[in-house]
C-alpha atoms as a PDB file:
ATOM      1  CA  UNK A   1     -95.575 -17.467  -8.747  1.00  0.00           C
ATOM      2  CA  UNK A   2     -94.764 -16.624  -5.208  1.00  0.00           C
ATOM      3  CA  UNK A   3     -93.422 -13.092  -4.953  1.00  0.00           C
ATOM      4  CA  UNK A   4     -90.741 -14.232  -2.479  1.00  0.00           C
ATOM      5  CA  UNK A   5     -89.115 -16.171  -5.302  1.00  0.00           C
ATOM      6  CA  UNK A   6     -86.693 -14.254  -7.453  1.00  0.00           C
ATOM      7  CA  UNK A   7     -86.646 -14.316 -11.173  1.00  0.00           C
ATOM      8  CA  UNK A   8     -83.316 -16.161 -11.232  1.00  0.00           C
ATOM      9  CA  UNK A   9     -83.539 -19.747 -12.456  1.00  0.00           C
ATOM     10  CA  UNK A  10     -81.229 -22.713 -13.121  1.00  0.00           C
ATOM     11  CA  UNK A  11     -81.254 -24.981 -16.147  1.00  0.00           C
ATOM     12  CA  UNK A  12     -80.823 -28.632 -15.151  1.00  0.00           C
ATOM     13  CA  UNK A  13     -78.890 -30.704 -17.739  1.00  0.00           C
ATOM     14  CA  UNK A  14     -81.094 -32.991 -19.804  1.00  0.00           C
ATOM     15  CA  UNK A  15     -84.223 -31.091 -18.956  1.00  0.00           C
ATOM     16  CA  UNK A  16     -85.983 -28.233 -20.601  1.00  0.00           C
ATOM     17  CA  UNK A  17     -87.463 -27.082 -17.451  1.00  0.00           C
ATOM     18  CA  UNK A  18     -86.845 -23.912 -15.566  1.00  0.00           C
ATOM     19  CA  UNK A  19     -87.110 -24.086 -11.827  1.00  0.00           C
ATOM     20  CA  UNK A  20     -87.094 -21.014  -9.685  1.00  0.00           C
ATOM     21  CA  UNK A  21     -84.515 -20.788  -6.936  1.00  0.00           C
ATOM     22  CA  UNK A  22     -85.220 -19.069  -3.723  1.00  0.00           C
ATOM     23  CA  UNK A  23     -82.592 -16.353  -3.405  1.00  0.00           C
ATOM     24  CA  UNK A  24     -82.068 -15.253   0.152  1.00  0.00           C
ATOM     25  CA  UNK A  25     -79.356 -13.416   2.001  1.00  0.00           C
ATOM     26  CA  UNK A  26     -78.432 -16.658   3.773  1.00  0.00           C
ATOM     27  CA  UNK A  27     -77.696 -18.414   0.479  1.00  0.00           C
ATOM     28  CA  UNK A  28     -75.637 -15.527  -0.837  1.00  0.00           C
ATOM     29  CA  UNK A  29     -73.463 -15.453   2.265  1.00  0.00           C
ATOM     30  CA  UNK A  30     -72.901 -19.208   2.061  1.00  0.00           C
ATOM     31  CA  UNK A  31     -71.867 -18.929  -1.586  1.00  0.00           C
ATOM     32  CA  UNK A  32     -69.429 -16.160  -0.799  1.00  0.00           C
ATOM     33  CA  UNK A  33     -67.929 -18.104   2.109  1.00  0.00           C
ATOM     34  CA  UNK A  34     -67.507 -21.261   0.036  1.00  0.00           C
ATOM     35  CA  UNK A  35     -65.781 -19.317  -2.734  1.00  0.00           C
ATOM     36  CA  UNK A  36     -63.488 -17.631  -0.203  1.00  0.00           C
ATOM     37  CA  UNK A  37     -62.651 -20.927   1.457  1.00  0.00           C
ATOM     38  CA  UNK A  38     -61.617 -22.320  -1.900  1.00  0.00           C
ATOM     39  CA  UNK A  39     -59.235 -19.487  -2.552  1.00  0.00           C
ATOM     40  CA  UNK A  40     -57.818 -19.749   0.968  1.00  0.00           C
ATOM     41  CA  UNK A  41     -57.245 -23.479   0.582  1.00  0.00           C
ATOM     42  CA  UNK A  42     -55.437 -22.902  -2.697  1.00  0.00           C
ATOM     43  CA  UNK A  43     -53.248 -20.243  -1.139  1.00  0.00           C
ATOM     44  CA  UNK A  44     -52.420 -22.438   1.845  1.00  0.00           C
ATOM     45  CA  UNK A  45     -51.671 -25.368  -0.450  1.00  0.00           C
ATOM     46  CA  UNK A  46     -49.320 -23.206  -2.535  1.00  0.00           C
ATOM     47  CA  UNK A  47     -47.532 -21.903   0.571  1.00  0.00           C
ATOM     48  CA  UNK A  48     -47.149 -25.433   1.878  1.00  0.00           C
ATOM     49  CA  UNK A  49     -45.607 -26.526  -1.427  1.00  0.00           C
ATOM     50  CA  UNK A  50     -43.130 -23.608  -1.362  1.00  0.00           C
ATOM     51  CA  UNK A  51     -42.278 -24.283   2.291  1.00  0.00           C
ATOM     52  CA  UNK A  52     -41.745 -27.961   1.560  1.00  0.00           C
ATOM     53  CA  UNK A  53     -39.450 -27.100  -1.347  1.00  0.00           C
ATOM     54  CA  UNK A  54     -37.262 -24.761   0.747  1.00  0.00           C
ATOM     55  CA  UNK A  55     -37.133 -27.192   3.653  1.00  0.00           C
ATOM     56  CA  UNK A  56     -35.836 -29.911   1.349  1.00  0.00           C
ATOM     57  CA  UNK A  57     -32.670 -27.869   0.693  1.00  0.00           C
ATOM     58  CA  UNK A  58     -29.893 -29.154   3.007  1.00  0.00           C
ATOM     59  CA  UNK A  59     -28.000 -26.775   5.257  1.00  0.00           C
ATOM     60  CA  UNK A  60     -24.747 -27.330   3.388  1.00  0.00           C
ATOM     61  CA  UNK A  61     -26.322 -26.171   0.114  1.00  0.00           C
ATOM     62  CA  UNK A  62     -27.774 -23.107   1.815  1.00  0.00           C
ATOM     63  CA  UNK A  63     -24.293 -22.298   3.098  1.00  0.00           C
ATOM     64  CA  UNK A  64     -22.924 -22.397  -0.441  1.00  0.00           C
ATOM     65  CA  UNK A  65     -25.646 -20.006  -1.559  1.00  0.00           C
ATOM     66  CA  UNK A  66     -25.047 -17.612   1.341  1.00  0.00           C
ATOM     67  CA  UNK A  67     -21.295 -17.661   0.742  1.00  0.00           C
ATOM     68  CA  UNK A  68     -21.830 -16.262  -2.744  1.00  0.00           C
ATOM     69  CA  UNK A  69     -23.591 -13.159  -1.473  1.00  0.00           C
ATOM     70  CA  UNK A  70     -21.485 -10.091  -2.173  1.00  0.00           C
ATOM     71  CA  UNK A  71     -22.228  -8.152   1.008  1.00  0.00           C
ATOM     72  CA  UNK A  72     -22.963  -8.952   4.668  1.00  0.00           C
ATOM     73  CA  UNK A  73     -26.039  -6.726   4.275  1.00  0.00           C
ATOM     74  CA  UNK A  74     -27.612  -9.424   2.127  1.00  0.00           C
ATOM     75  CA  UNK A  75     -26.788 -12.026   4.744  1.00  0.00           C
ATOM     76  CA  UNK A  76     -28.560  -9.975   7.395  1.00  0.00           C
ATOM     77  CA  UNK A  77     -31.615  -9.676   5.173  1.00  0.00           C
ATOM     78  CA  UNK A  78     -31.579 -13.409   4.459  1.00  0.00           C
ATOM     79  CA  UNK A  79     -31.324 -14.121   8.179  1.00  0.00           C
ATOM     80  CA  UNK A  80     -34.508 -12.108   8.692  1.00  0.00           C
ATOM     81  CA  UNK A  81     -36.476 -14.312   6.287  1.00  0.00           C
ATOM     82  CA  UNK A  82     -37.058 -17.270   8.600  1.00  0.00           C
ATOM     83  CA  UNK A  83     -35.716 -18.992  11.684  1.00  0.00           C
ATOM     84  CA  UNK A  84     -33.990 -21.734   9.762  1.00  0.00           C
ATOM     85  CA  UNK A  85     -32.003 -19.352   7.577  1.00  0.00           C
ATOM     86  CA  UNK A  86     -31.067 -17.357  10.637  1.00  0.00           C
ATOM     87  CA  UNK A  87     -29.838 -20.536  12.343  1.00  0.00           C
ATOM     88  CA  UNK A  88     -27.833 -21.606   9.288  1.00  0.00           C
ATOM     89  CA  UNK A  89     -26.194 -18.205   8.859  1.00  0.00           C
ATOM     90  CA  UNK A  90     -25.249 -17.971  12.522  1.00  0.00           C
ATOM     91  CA  UNK A  91     -24.321 -21.649  12.871  1.00  0.00           C
ATOM     92  CA  UNK A  92     -20.797 -22.937  13.242  1.00  0.00           C
ATOM     93  CA  UNK A  93     -21.112 -24.835   9.969  1.00  0.00           C
ATOM     94  CA  UNK A  94     -21.246 -21.508   8.120  1.00  0.00           C
ATOM     95  CA  UNK A  95     -18.536 -20.055  10.311  1.00  0.00           C
ATOM     96  CA  UNK A  96     -16.325 -23.042   9.598  1.00  0.00           C
ATOM     97  CA  UNK A  97     -16.810 -22.744   5.860  1.00  0.00           C
ATOM     98  CA  UNK A  98     -15.941 -19.059   5.911  1.00  0.00           C
ATOM     99  CA  UNK A  99     -13.315 -19.103   8.633  1.00  0.00           C
ATOM    100  CA  UNK A 100     -10.595 -18.196   6.154  1.00  0.00           C
ATOM    101  CA  UNK A 101     -12.614 -15.503   4.390  1.00  0.00           C
ATOM    102  CA  UNK A 102     -11.809 -12.044   5.710  1.00  0.00           C
ATOM    103  CA  UNK A 103     -12.385  -8.756   4.002  1.00  0.00           C
ATOM    104  CA  UNK A 104     -10.183  -5.696   4.371  1.00  0.00           C
ATOM    105  CA  UNK A 105     -12.646  -2.883   5.039  1.00  0.00           C
ATOM    106  CA  UNK A 106     -10.144  -0.175   5.901  1.00  0.00           C
ATOM    107  CA  UNK A 107      -6.970   0.755   7.749  1.00  0.00           C
ATOM    108  CA  UNK A 108      -5.939   2.032  11.124  1.00  0.00           C
ATOM    109  CA  UNK A 109      -3.711   5.000  10.378  1.00  0.00           C
ATOM    110  CA  UNK A 110      -1.083   5.929  12.977  1.00  0.00           C
ATOM    111  CA  UNK A 111       1.366   8.776  13.425  1.00  0.00           C
ATOM    112  CA  UNK A 112       5.111   8.665  13.069  1.00  0.00           C
ATOM    113  CA  UNK A 113       6.891   7.364  16.187  1.00  0.00           C
ATOM    114  CA  UNK A 114       8.762   9.665  18.481  1.00  0.00           C
ATOM    115  CA  UNK A 115      12.518   9.751  18.035  1.00  0.00           C
ATOM    116  CA  UNK A 116      12.992   7.929  21.341  1.00  0.00           C
ATOM    117  CA  UNK A 117      10.464   5.281  20.285  1.00  0.00           C
ATOM    118  CA  UNK A 118      11.930   4.395  16.886  1.00  0.00           C
ATOM    119  CA  UNK A 119      12.871   0.962  18.182  1.00  0.00           C
ATOM    120  CA  UNK A 120       9.269  -0.273  17.837  1.00  0.00           C
ATOM    121  CA  UNK A 121       6.691  -0.117  15.027  1.00  0.00           C
ATOM    122  CA  UNK A 122       4.764   3.145  14.680  1.00  0.00           C
ATOM    123  CA  UNK A 123       1.416   3.131  16.463  1.00  0.00           C
ATOM    124  CA  UNK A 124       0.627   6.548  17.956  1.00  0.00           C
ATOM    125  CA  UNK A 125      -2.926   7.932  17.770  1.00  0.00           C
ATOM    126  CA  UNK A 126      -4.621   5.132  15.790  1.00  0.00           C
ATOM    127  CA  UNK A 127      -7.613   6.281  13.707  1.00  0.00           C
ATOM    128  CA  UNK A 128      -9.732   3.998  11.543  1.00  0.00           C
ATOM    129  CA  UNK A 129     -10.188   5.033   7.910  1.00  0.00           C
ATOM    130  CA  UNK A 130     -12.747   2.984   5.923  1.00  0.00           C
ATOM    131  CA  UNK A 131     -11.703   1.807   2.509  1.00  0.00           C
ATOM    132  CA  UNK A 132     -13.386   2.806  -0.725  1.00  0.00           C
ATOM    133  CA  UNK A 133     -16.594   0.914  -1.448  1.00  0.00           C
ATOM    134  CA  UNK A 134     -16.847  -0.671   2.003  1.00  0.00           C
ATOM    135  CA  UNK A 135     -19.271   1.710   3.704  1.00  0.00           C
ATOM    136  CA  UNK A 136     -22.031  -0.908   3.563  1.00  0.00           C
ATOM    137  CA  UNK A 137     -19.836  -3.383   5.457  1.00  0.00           C
ATOM    138  CA  UNK A 138     -18.954  -0.768   8.046  1.00  0.00           C
ATOM    139  CA  UNK A 139     -22.634  -0.048   8.605  1.00  0.00           C
ATOM    140  CA  UNK A 140     -23.230  -3.756   9.153  1.00  0.00           C
ATOM    141  CA  UNK A 141     -20.350  -3.717  11.600  1.00  0.00           C
ATOM    142  CA  UNK A 142     -22.346  -1.069  13.515  1.00  0.00           C
ATOM    143  CA  UNK A 143     -19.348   1.222  13.684  1.00  0.00           C
ATOM    144  CA  UNK A 144     -18.794   3.930  11.104  1.00  0.00           C
ATOM    145  CA  UNK A 145     -15.277   4.537  12.377  1.00  0.00           C
ATOM    146  CA  UNK A 146     -14.513   1.591  14.714  1.00  0.00           C
ATOM    147  CA  UNK A 147     -13.347   3.963  17.414  1.00  0.00           C
ATOM    148  CA  UNK A 148     -11.279   2.768  20.356  1.00  0.00           C
ATOM    149  CA  UNK A 149     -12.923   5.023  22.943  1.00  0.00           C
ATOM    150  CA  UNK A 150     -14.103   1.986  24.935  1.00  0.00           C
ATOM    151  CA  UNK A 151     -10.555   1.131  26.067  1.00  0.00           C
ATOM    152  CA  UNK A 152      -9.533   1.863  29.674  1.00  0.00           C
ATOM    153  CA  UNK A 153      -8.290   5.377  30.326  1.00  0.00           C
ATOM    154  CA  UNK A 154      -5.655   6.762  32.632  1.00  0.00           C
ATOM    155  CA  UNK A 155      -6.464   8.525  35.878  1.00  0.00           C
ATOM    156  CA  UNK A 156      -6.428  11.783  33.912  1.00  0.00           C
ATOM    157  CA  UNK A 157      -8.992  10.496  31.393  1.00  0.00           C
ATOM    158  CA  UNK A 158      -6.491   9.911  28.582  1.00  0.00           C
ATOM    159  CA  UNK A 159      -6.316   6.868  26.348  1.00  0.00           C
ATOM    160  CA  UNK A 160      -2.615   6.977  25.374  1.00  0.00           C
ATOM    161  CA  UNK A 161      -2.728   3.585  23.662  1.00  0.00           C
ATOM    162  CA  UNK A 162      -0.367   2.766  20.819  1.00  0.00           C
ATOM    163  CA  UNK A 163      -1.379   0.287  18.165  1.00  0.00           C
ATOM    164  CA  UNK A 164       1.104  -2.590  18.192  1.00  0.00           C
ATOM    165  CA  UNK A 165      -0.459  -5.093  15.780  1.00  0.00           C
ATOM    166  CA  UNK A 166      -3.675  -6.024  13.953  1.00  0.00           C
ATOM    167  CA  UNK A 167      -4.691  -9.543  13.053  1.00  0.00           C
ATOM    168  CA  UNK A 168      -7.942 -11.345  12.222  1.00  0.00           C
ATOM    169  CA  UNK A 169     -10.232  -8.633  13.575  1.00  0.00           C
ATOM    170  CA  UNK A 170      -8.228  -8.227  16.809  1.00  0.00           C
ATOM    171  CA  UNK A 171      -6.091  -5.262  17.808  1.00  0.00           C
ATOM    172  CA  UNK A 172      -3.095  -5.343  20.145  1.00  0.00           C
ATOM    173  CA  UNK A 173      -2.335  -2.067  21.915  1.00  0.00           C
ATOM    174  CA  UNK A 174       0.398  -1.001  24.327  1.00  0.00           C
ATOM    175  CA  UNK A 175       0.757   1.863  26.779  1.00  0.00           C
ATOM    176  CA  UNK A 176       4.072   3.489  27.656  1.00  0.00           C
ATOM    177  CA  UNK A 177       5.309   5.944  30.237  1.00  0.00           C
ATOM    178  CA  UNK A 178       6.991   9.239  29.387  1.00  0.00           C
ATOM    179  CA  UNK A 179      10.294   7.383  29.782  1.00  0.00           C
ATOM    180  CA  UNK A 180       9.043   4.847  27.191  1.00  0.00           C
ATOM    181  CA  UNK A 181       8.724   2.034  29.731  1.00  0.00           C
ATOM    182  CA  UNK A 182       5.997  -0.476  28.934  1.00  0.00           C
ATOM    183  CA  UNK A 183       3.016  -0.025  31.278  1.00  0.00           C
ATOM    184  CA  UNK A 184       0.472  -2.457  29.898  1.00  0.00           C
ATOM    185  CA  UNK A 185      -0.957  -4.428  26.991  1.00  0.00           C
ATOM    186  CA  UNK A 186      -4.552  -5.032  25.899  1.00  0.00           C
ATOM    187  CA  UNK A 187      -6.123  -7.055  23.120  1.00  0.00           C
ATOM    188  CA  UNK A 188      -9.433  -5.747  21.859  1.00  0.00           C
ATOM    189  CA  UNK A 189     -12.199  -6.544  19.395  1.00  0.00           C
ATOM    190  CA  UNK A 190     -13.356  -3.144  18.079  1.00  0.00           C
ATOM    191  CA  UNK A 191     -16.379  -4.679  16.357  1.00  0.00           C
ATOM    192  CA  UNK A 192     -17.746  -6.082  19.622  1.00  0.00           C
ATOM    193  CA  UNK A 193     -16.240  -3.176  21.637  1.00  0.00           C
ATOM    194  CA  UNK A 194     -14.646  -5.583  24.105  1.00  0.00           C
ATOM    195  CA  UNK A 195     -11.083  -5.852  25.347  1.00  0.00           C
ATOM    196  CA  UNK A 196      -8.938  -8.145  27.466  1.00  0.00           C
ATOM    197  CA  UNK A 197      -6.121  -6.906  29.659  1.00  0.00           C
ATOM    198  CA  UNK A 198      -2.951  -8.944  29.249  1.00  0.00           C
ATOM    199  CA  UNK A 199      -1.172  -9.644  32.552  1.00  0.00           C
ATOM    200  CA  UNK A 200       2.087  -7.828  33.086  1.00  0.00           C
ATOM    201  CA  UNK A 201       5.270  -9.888  33.232  1.00  0.00           C
ATOM    202  CA  UNK A 202       8.222  -9.495  35.563  1.00  0.00           C
ATOM    203  CA  UNK A 203      10.439  -9.650  32.477  1.00  0.00           C
ATOM    204  CA  UNK A 204       9.147  -6.205  31.486  1.00  0.00           C
ATOM    205  CA  UNK A 205      10.470  -4.498  34.608  1.00  0.00           C
ATOM    206  CA  UNK A 206      13.825  -2.736  34.541  1.00  0.00           C
ATOM    207  CA  UNK A 207      15.682  -0.849  31.872  1.00  0.00           C
ATOM    208  CA  UNK A 208      14.737  -2.927  28.871  1.00  0.00           C
ATOM    209  CA  UNK A 209      14.222  -1.603  25.363  1.00  0.00           C
ATOM    210  CA  UNK A 210      10.817  -2.628  24.042  1.00  0.00           C
ATOM    211  CA  UNK A 211      11.070  -3.639  20.371  1.00  0.00           C
ATOM    212  CA  UNK A 212       7.461  -4.595  19.690  1.00  0.00           C
ATOM    213  CA  UNK A 213       4.480  -6.839  20.392  1.00  0.00           C
ATOM    214  CA  UNK A 214       2.678  -8.999  17.831  1.00  0.00           C
ATOM    215  CA  UNK A 215      -0.474 -11.135  17.752  1.00  0.00           C
ATOM    216  CA  UNK A 216      -0.266 -14.772  16.753  1.00  0.00           C
ATOM    217  CA  UNK A 217      -2.635 -17.772  16.684  1.00  0.00           C
ATOM    218  CA  UNK A 218      -2.718 -19.815  19.848  1.00  0.00           C
ATOM    219  CA  UNK A 219      -2.018 -23.038  17.927  1.00  0.00           C
ATOM    220  CA  UNK A 220       0.216 -23.470  14.932  1.00  0.00           C
ATOM    221  CA  UNK A 221      -2.685 -24.830  12.883  1.00  0.00           C
ATOM    222  CA  UNK A 222      -5.317 -22.460  14.241  1.00  0.00           C
ATOM    223  CA  UNK A 223      -7.748 -21.166  11.626  1.00  0.00           C
ATOM    224  CA  UNK A 224      -8.762 -18.051  13.499  1.00  0.00           C
ATOM    225  CA  UNK A 225      -8.050 -15.768  16.403  1.00  0.00           C
ATOM    226  CA  UNK A 226     -10.376 -14.305  19.019  1.00  0.00           C
ATOM    227  CA  UNK A 227     -10.330 -12.726  22.467  1.00  0.00           C
ATOM    228  CA  UNK A 228     -10.701 -16.153  24.038  1.00  0.00           C
ATOM    229  CA  UNK A 229      -8.004 -17.777  21.914  1.00  0.00           C
ATOM    230  CA  UNK A 230      -4.975 -15.700  20.983  1.00  0.00           C
ATOM    231  CA  UNK A 231      -1.271 -15.375  21.641  1.00  0.00           C
ATOM    232  CA  UNK A 232       1.176 -12.481  21.905  1.00  0.00           C
ATOM    233  CA  UNK A 233       4.900 -12.319  21.212  1.00  0.00           C
ATOM    234  CA  UNK A 234       6.934  -9.488  22.772  1.00  0.00           C
ATOM    235  CA  UNK A 235      10.522  -8.682  21.811  1.00  0.00           C
ATOM    236  CA  UNK A 236      12.798  -6.936  24.331  1.00  0.00           C
ATOM    237  CA  UNK A 237      16.389  -5.775  23.966  1.00  0.00           C
ATOM    238  CA  UNK A 238      18.945  -5.387  26.727  1.00  0.00           C
ATOM    239  CA  UNK A 239      22.700  -5.697  26.951  1.00  0.00           C
ATOM    240  CA  UNK A 240      23.111  -6.523  23.271  1.00  0.00           C
ATOM    241  CA  UNK A 241      20.659  -9.437  23.421  1.00  0.00           C
ATOM    242  CA  UNK A 242      17.203  -9.482  21.840  1.00  0.00           C
ATOM    243  CA  UNK A 243      14.759 -11.893  23.499  1.00  0.00           C
ATOM    244  CA  UNK A 244      11.261 -13.058  22.630  1.00  0.00           C
ATOM    245  CA  UNK A 245       8.565 -13.762  25.217  1.00  0.00           C
ATOM    246  CA  UNK A 246       5.251 -15.426  24.455  1.00  0.00           C
ATOM    247  CA  UNK A 247       1.846 -15.005  26.092  1.00  0.00           C
ATOM    248  CA  UNK A 248      -0.854 -17.676  25.866  1.00  0.00           C
ATOM    249  CA  UNK A 249      -4.442 -16.675  26.653  1.00  0.00           C
ATOM    250  CA  UNK A 250      -5.555 -20.286  27.111  1.00  0.00           C
ATOM    251  CA  UNK A 251      -3.141 -20.979  29.960  1.00  0.00           C
ATOM    252  CA  UNK A 252      -4.527 -21.432  33.455  1.00  0.00           C
ATOM    253  CA  UNK A 253      -5.157 -18.362  35.548  1.00  0.00           C
ATOM    254  CA  UNK A 254      -6.083 -16.095  32.658  1.00  0.00           C
ATOM    255  CA  UNK A 255      -2.884 -16.617  30.686  1.00  0.00           C
ATOM    256  CA  UNK A 256       0.845 -16.637  31.349  1.00  0.00           C
ATOM    257  CA  UNK A 257       4.151 -15.586  29.816  1.00  0.00           C
ATOM    258  CA  UNK A 258       6.980 -17.899  28.823  1.00  0.00           C
ATOM    259  CA  UNK A 259      10.445 -17.205  27.417  1.00  0.00           C
ATOM    260  CA  UNK A 260      11.754 -18.556  24.154  1.00  0.00           C
ATOM    261  CA  UNK A 261      14.327 -20.635  25.992  1.00  0.00           C
ATOM    262  CA  UNK A 262      11.617 -22.282  28.070  1.00  0.00           C
ATOM    263  CA  UNK A 263       9.697 -23.174  24.903  1.00  0.00           C
ATOM    264  CA  UNK A 264      12.809 -24.696  23.325  1.00  0.00           C
ATOM    265  CA  UNK A 265      12.704 -22.284  20.390  1.00  0.00           C
ATOM    266  CA  UNK A 266      14.893 -19.496  19.054  1.00  0.00           C
ATOM    267  CA  UNK A 267      14.067 -16.985  21.742  1.00  0.00           C
ATOM    268  CA  UNK A 268      17.251 -14.875  21.769  1.00  0.00           C
ATOM    269  CA  UNK A 269      19.731 -13.264  19.384  1.00  0.00           C
ATOM    270  CA  UNK A 270      23.102 -11.931  20.510  1.00  0.00           C
ATOM    271  CA  UNK A 271      23.709  -8.609  18.773  1.00  0.00           C
ATOM    272  CA  UNK A 272      27.425  -8.455  19.854  1.00  0.00           C
ATOM    273  CA  UNK A 273      27.593  -4.878  21.054  1.00  0.00           C
ATOM    274  CA  UNK A 274      24.976  -3.791  23.543  1.00  0.00           C
ATOM    275  CA  UNK A 275      25.695  -0.099  23.050  1.00  0.00           C
ATOM    276  CA  UNK A 276      24.774  -0.024  19.368  1.00  0.00           C
ATOM    277  CA  UNK A 277      21.458   1.670  18.459  1.00  0.00           C
ATOM    278  CA  UNK A 278      18.447  -0.459  17.541  1.00  0.00           C
ATOM    279  CA  UNK A 279      15.880   0.669  14.961  1.00  0.00           C
ATOM    280  CA  UNK A 280      12.702  -0.906  13.663  1.00  0.00           C
ATOM    281  CA  UNK A 281      13.125  -1.561   9.948  1.00  0.00           C
ATOM    282  CA  UNK A 282       9.674  -2.769   8.932  1.00  0.00           C
ATOM    283  CA  UNK A 283       7.373  -5.751   8.644  1.00  0.00           C
ATOM    284  CA  UNK A 284       6.156  -8.215   6.068  1.00  0.00           C
ATOM    285  CA  UNK A 285       3.117 -10.471   6.253  1.00  0.00           C
ATOM    286  CA  UNK A 286       4.964 -13.018   8.363  1.00  0.00           C
ATOM    287  CA  UNK A 287       8.042 -11.321   9.849  1.00  0.00           C
ATOM    288  CA  UNK A 288       9.282  -8.170  11.584  1.00  0.00           C
ATOM    289  CA  UNK A 289      12.822  -6.770  11.261  1.00  0.00           C
ATOM    290  CA  UNK A 290      15.175  -4.585  13.290  1.00  0.00           C
ATOM    291  CA  UNK A 291      18.649  -3.312  12.550  1.00  0.00           C
ATOM    292  CA  UNK A 292      21.385  -3.111  15.187  1.00  0.00           C
ATOM    293  CA  UNK A 293      24.386  -0.825  14.862  1.00  0.00           C
ATOM    294  CA  UNK A 294      25.323   1.910  12.436  1.00  0.00           C
ATOM    295  CA  UNK A 295      25.003   0.741   8.881  1.00  0.00           C
ATOM    296  CA  UNK A 296      22.672  -2.117   9.896  1.00  0.00           C
ATOM    297  CA  UNK A 297      25.510  -4.492  10.667  1.00  0.00           C
ATOM    298  CA  UNK A 298      23.114  -6.969  12.324  1.00  0.00           C
ATOM    299  CA  UNK A 299      19.545  -7.712  11.330  1.00  0.00           C
ATOM    300  CA  UNK A 300      17.152  -9.266  13.866  1.00  0.00           C
ATOM    301  CA  UNK A 301      14.130 -11.043  12.396  1.00  0.00           C
ATOM    302  CA  UNK A 302      11.016 -12.295  14.202  1.00  0.00           C
ATOM    303  CA  UNK A 303       8.781 -14.993  12.753  1.00  0.00           C
ATOM    304  CA  UNK A 304       5.303 -13.792  13.739  1.00  0.00           C
ATOM    305  CA  UNK A 305       3.776 -17.257  13.409  1.00  0.00           C
ATOM    306  CA  UNK A 306       6.176 -19.155  15.632  1.00  0.00           C
ATOM    307  CA  UNK A 307       7.606 -16.352  17.784  1.00  0.00           C
ATOM    308  CA  UNK A 308      11.185 -17.333  16.917  1.00  0.00           C
ATOM    309  CA  UNK A 309      14.037 -14.839  16.619  1.00  0.00           C
ATOM    310  CA  UNK A 310      16.888 -15.149  14.142  1.00  0.00           C
ATOM    311  CA  UNK A 311      19.735 -13.028  12.820  1.00  0.00           C
ATOM    312  CA  UNK A 312      20.528 -12.068   9.247  1.00  0.00           C
ATOM    313  CA  UNK A 313      22.926  -9.867   7.338  1.00  0.00           C
ATOM    314  CA  UNK A 314      20.556  -8.157   4.897  1.00  0.00           C
ATOM    315  CA  UNK A 315      17.005  -6.854   4.937  1.00  0.00           C
ATOM    316  CA  UNK A 316      14.279  -7.823   2.462  1.00  0.00           C
ATOM    317  CA  UNK A 317      13.925  -5.514  -0.502  1.00  0.00           C
ATOM    318  CA  UNK A 318      11.697  -2.408  -0.297  1.00  0.00           C
ATOM    319  CA  UNK A 319      11.129  -2.796   3.418  1.00  0.00           C
ATOM    320  CA  UNK A 320      10.031   0.211   5.427  1.00  0.00           C
ATOM    321  CA  UNK A 321       7.765   0.894   8.416  1.00  0.00           C
ATOM    322  CA  UNK A 322       4.142   1.410   7.443  1.00  0.00           C
ATOM    323  CA  UNK A 323       1.760   3.909   9.011  1.00  0.00           C
ATOM    324  CA  UNK A 324      -1.323   1.886   8.014  1.00  0.00           C
ATOM    325  CA  UNK A 325      -2.579  -1.339   9.581  1.00  0.00           C
ATOM    326  CA  UNK A 326      -5.075  -3.215   7.400  1.00  0.00           C
ATOM    327  CA  UNK A 327      -8.191  -4.232   9.319  1.00  0.00           C
ATOM    328  CA  UNK A 328      -9.855  -7.437   8.159  1.00  0.00           C
ATOM    329  CA  UNK A 329     -13.463  -8.051   9.070  1.00  0.00           C
ATOM    330  CA  UNK A 330     -14.316 -11.743   9.546  1.00  0.00           C
ATOM    331  CA  UNK A 331     -17.762 -12.418   8.096  1.00  0.00           C
ATOM    332  CA  UNK A 332     -19.302 -14.931  10.580  1.00  0.00           C
ATOM    333  CA  UNK A 333     -18.518 -12.803  13.677  1.00  0.00           C
ATOM    334  CA  UNK A 334     -19.987  -9.806  11.867  1.00  0.00           C
ATOM    335  CA  UNK A 335     -23.228 -11.579  11.160  1.00  0.00           C
ATOM    336  CA  UNK A 336     -23.483 -12.942  14.692  1.00  0.00           C
ATOM    337  CA  UNK A 337     -22.920  -9.467  16.082  1.00  0.00           C
ATOM    338  CA  UNK A 338     -25.719  -8.099  13.909  1.00  0.00           C
ATOM    339  CA  UNK A 339     -28.126 -10.890  14.884  1.00  0.00           C
ATOM    340  CA  UNK A 340     -27.456 -10.754  18.610  1.00  0.00           C
END
């Protein structure tokens, strides 16, 4: 037998004959490549089947799955899996399905108001305090404390902003002079670290007592609020009359102010005696209250949703000014901020 032939042989079925097979390096490499190609084809076929199965899931069903995740961290991880999941998570269809789902992740704590500023809600020196068990959400929000150091400062480098109201992830802040005259208003999104200066109104000039400013949706049926779509209601007191003024961010020219009388709503309450002291009594989820006169003879109530003022004789039970403003983190804006 030729020495170049190896001792390896193959048995052909139906024959009792052994034939030598020439075993060369070329044959061995071809066998290895064919075996490898088979494994690769099987792997590619399996991946294609898995990909086809995930692509058959409609976007609406994926939204339902993502909505059941217990933390925005998981949403961020899911968005990193593939382009389609990222698109679904950041899409408006997911935002629309979760538009009403906000999570309170902490509070903005403020100091007691000065004695001369007791006519408005407390809001001095706001500091964010995360709630228990929400540190993962705060990390996703990319702000461990949601500081307000990005707001405009005075010529002396001071912030001097008072927190007036918090709603839907937006903050409303006001600045006052040493004589407690209103100097300016800003609305800000601490998560995105952006703010919008609210134009000053001629109604704010003069010796008027500022009772408070509150955020409200731009439309009565609005599902959310943002820097591009929000409203503000300010309440001023002068000469025994409390008046409400409304700001609309969607108006032409960057927004404008209107009075309650111009809107045809309850924009004024006559408190009888203009020399009686006014004090802020407290707020509920939908209203704010002030007392006028010694012994709270007149109660002024503001509907935060409509911006209407009304008078009453008694205050709601267990009402007192709070030093904590709950901050709700809307999920879709959080995810979009993390993916941008």
